[in-house]
Protein backbone atom coordinates (compact mmCIF):
# COMPACT_ATOMS: atom_id res chain seq x y z
CA MET A 1 0.04 0.18 -0.10
CA ARG A 2 1.28 3.05 -1.13
CA SER A 3 1.55 5.95 1.97
CA TRP A 4 0.09 8.62 -0.68
CA GLN A 5 -3.82 9.68 -1.31
CA ILE A 6 -4.96 9.86 -4.70
CA CYS A 7 -7.04 13.44 -5.26
CA THR A 8 -10.14 13.50 -8.12
CA VAL A 9 -10.45 17.57 -8.22
CA THR A 10 -12.89 18.07 -10.80
CA GLN A 11 -11.85 16.08 -14.12
CA TYR A 12 -7.90 15.85 -13.31
CA THR A 13 -6.43 12.92 -10.94
CA LEU A 14 -3.78 13.63 -8.92
CA ARG A 15 -0.31 11.86 -8.01
CA PRO A 16 2.35 12.26 -6.58
CA ILE A 17 5.66 11.68 -9.29
CA GLU A 18 7.04 8.63 -9.36
CA PRO A 19 10.57 6.38 -10.64
CA ALA A 20 8.32 4.94 -13.48
CA ASP A 21 6.90 8.60 -14.14
CA ARG A 22 10.85 10.49 -15.47
CA ALA A 23 11.52 10.00 -18.49
CA VAL A 24 7.57 11.57 -19.04
CA VAL A 25 8.66 14.59 -16.45
CA ILE A 26 12.12 15.60 -18.66
CA ARG A 27 10.57 15.67 -21.44
CA LEU A 28 8.34 18.15 -20.70
CA LEU A 29 10.52 20.29 -18.61
CA VAL A 30 12.85 19.96 -22.26
CA GLN A 31 9.60 21.26 -23.48
CA ASP A 32 8.45 23.31 -21.28
CA TRP A 33 12.25 24.87 -20.09
CA GLY A 34 14.22 23.53 -23.02
CA ASP A 35 16.10 21.83 -20.74
CA VAL A 36 15.54 19.80 -17.28
CA SER A 37 17.99 22.94 -15.52
CA VAL A 38 15.53 25.56 -13.93
CA TYR A 39 16.99 29.31 -13.42
CA ALA A 40 15.77 31.30 -10.46
CA VAL A 41 18.14 33.80 -8.00
CA ALA A 42 14.86 32.69 -5.00
CA LEU A 43 16.47 28.71 -6.13
CA GLY A 44 19.94 29.61 -5.38
CA GLY A 45 20.68 29.50 -9.36
CA LEU A 46 20.42 26.01 -11.75
CA VAL A 47 17.74 23.57 -10.18
CA ASP A 48 17.58 19.94 -12.16
CA ALA A 49 14.29 19.54 -11.80
CA SER A 50 13.89 15.61 -13.36
CA VAL A 51 14.92 14.49 -9.81
CA LEU A 52 12.81 16.84 -8.37
CA PRO A 53 9.24 15.42 -6.28
CA GLY A 54 6.12 16.56 -7.49
CA TRP A 55 2.57 16.30 -8.85
CA ILE A 56 0.77 14.57 -11.48
CA ALA A 57 -2.94 15.87 -13.27
CA GLU A 58 -4.42 13.55 -15.33
CA GLN A 59 -7.08 13.17 -17.15
CA ASP A 60 -7.76 10.39 -19.74
CA GLY A 61 -4.24 8.78 -19.38
CA GLN A 62 -2.47 11.97 -19.82
CA VAL A 63 -0.45 14.42 -18.10
CA ALA A 64 -2.47 17.44 -17.80
CA GLY A 65 -0.21 19.35 -15.74
CA LEU A 66 2.36 19.63 -13.68
CA LEU A 67 4.23 20.92 -10.72
CA THR A 68 8.04 19.80 -8.78
CA TYR A 69 9.32 22.19 -5.90
CA ARG A 70 11.97 21.52 -3.05
CA LEU A 71 11.81 21.69 0.25
CA SER A 72 14.43 23.99 1.60
CA GLY A 73 14.23 25.01 5.60
CA SER A 74 10.90 26.17 6.47
CA THR A 75 10.54 26.83 2.59
CA LEU A 76 8.41 25.21 -0.05
CA ASP A 77 10.01 26.72 -3.19
CA ILE A 78 7.83 25.98 -6.79
CA VAL A 79 10.38 25.11 -8.56
CA THR A 80 7.89 24.75 -12.51
CA ILE A 81 4.22 23.98 -12.73
CA SER A 82 2.63 23.86 -16.09
CA ALA A 83 -0.87 22.94 -16.95
CA TYR A 84 -1.63 21.57 -20.55
CA ARG A 85 -5.14 22.77 -20.85
CA SER A 86 -5.87 26.84 -20.10
CA GLY A 87 -8.55 27.35 -18.37
CA GLY A 88 -9.55 24.43 -16.49
CA GLY A 89 -8.76 24.39 -13.01
CA ILE A 90 -5.22 22.40 -13.41
CA GLY A 91 -3.46 24.81 -12.17
CA THR A 92 -5.53 25.39 -8.95
CA ALA A 93 -5.35 22.12 -7.74
CA LEU A 94 -1.56 21.67 -8.64
CA ILE A 95 -1.50 24.63 -5.81
CA GLU A 96 -4.05 22.99 -3.65
CA LYS A 97 -2.83 19.84 -3.26
CA LEU A 98 0.70 20.87 -2.79
CA THR A 99 -0.21 24.02 0.29
CA ALA A 100 -2.51 20.66 1.74
CA GLN A 101 0.48 18.21 1.59
CA ALA A 102 2.70 21.65 2.97
CA ALA A 103 2.67 21.40 6.78
CA ALA A 104 3.39 17.77 6.93
CA LEU A 105 6.27 18.80 5.05
CA GLY A 106 7.23 21.21 7.93
CA ALA A 107 7.02 24.42 5.47
CA LYS A 108 5.92 27.18 6.64
CA ARG A 109 5.26 29.23 3.60
CA ILE A 110 5.38 27.91 0.45
CA ARG A 111 7.29 30.26 -2.63
CA VAL A 112 7.51 30.56 -6.12
CA ALA A 113 9.79 32.91 -8.78
CA THR A 114 8.60 33.85 -11.74
CA THR A 115 10.17 36.68 -14.80
CA ASN A 116 8.80 40.04 -14.90
CA ASP A 117 6.81 39.22 -18.69
CA ASN A 118 4.34 36.76 -16.85
CA THR A 119 1.01 38.69 -15.99
CA ASP A 120 -0.72 35.61 -16.64
CA ALA A 121 1.77 34.18 -13.73
CA LEU A 122 1.37 37.35 -11.86
CA ARG A 123 -2.17 37.18 -12.24
CA PHE A 124 -2.22 33.55 -11.66
CA TYR A 125 -0.22 33.23 -8.38
CA GLN A 126 -1.78 36.61 -6.95
CA ARG A 127 -5.36 34.86 -7.43
CA CYS A 128 -4.17 31.45 -5.30
CA GLY A 129 -4.12 33.62 -2.27
CA PHE A 130 0.00 34.52 -2.90
CA HIS A 131 1.43 37.82 -2.20
CA MET A 132 4.55 39.33 -3.19
CA THR A 133 7.39 39.25 -1.57
CA ALA A 134 10.87 40.51 -3.73
CA VAL A 135 11.90 41.29 -7.47
CA ARG A 136 15.17 41.13 -8.41
CA PRO A 137 15.99 44.00 -10.95
CA ASP A 138 17.97 42.26 -13.84
CA ALA A 139 17.82 38.82 -12.11
CA ILE A 140 17.24 37.02 -15.60
CA THR A 141 19.90 39.73 -17.22
CA LYS A 142 22.30 38.53 -15.63
CA ALA A 143 21.47 35.06 -15.61
CA ARG A 144 20.89 35.02 -18.91
CA ARG A 145 25.07 36.58 -19.24
CA ARG A 146 26.19 33.51 -16.83
CA HIS A 147 24.14 30.89 -16.90
CA LYS A 148 21.63 29.94 -19.01
CA PRO A 149 22.08 31.46 -22.45
CA GLN A 150 18.77 30.24 -24.37
CA ILE A 151 16.82 32.05 -22.00
CA PRO A 152 14.46 34.44 -23.99
CA GLU A 153 15.66 37.49 -24.51
CA ILE A 154 11.70 38.66 -25.53
CA GLY A 155 9.11 36.88 -23.23
CA HIS A 156 4.82 36.84 -23.29
CA HIS A 157 2.75 40.15 -24.37
CA GLY A 158 6.44 41.35 -25.99
CA ILE A 159 8.11 42.37 -22.69
CA PRO A 160 11.54 42.07 -22.64
CA ILE A 161 12.31 38.86 -19.79
CA ARG A 162 15.15 40.74 -17.32
CA ASP A 163 13.96 41.00 -13.57
CA GLU A 164 13.05 37.96 -11.22
CA ILE A 165 9.38 38.23 -8.89
CA ASP A 166 9.61 35.95 -5.73
CA LEU A 167 5.49 35.43 -4.50
CA GLU A 168 4.90 33.69 -0.82
CA LEU A 169 1.40 31.66 -0.31
CA PRO A 170 2.10 31.55 3.68
CA VAL A 171 1.10 27.96 5.41
């Protein structure tokens, strides 16, 4: 018997990432991020998201969403979150699942970092109860030069990608 419960939220089934899922997780991370390594100053630089714990949202046997996280002290960092069908509540279901698990992991807060161009993410996280807690001007510009040159210069809505913004949710 597994120590976790499968949670069905609306039409999606949420389950933890298992070792057998790693090939799919790697494929999705490369598809979404161009690599398995995700850069965020809040995370201390590059993080290999393919080896992290997380949750998969499924619908009709297909992956509908993915969330990876890392626990550091009492902070639970969302490293990646993706919904492969928009507007269906997948991202919200993944955040709610992580929030429900956070206290059991010893987390006092959930943190996520995004870029200044990602206005959709900023709107989404704030609707989920997150508050902006830090802005690091030119963090992405520096990261592009030093660590990950494949980060695009222009992002969503034609906005130059320069800054990193932290958002937090108390647990």
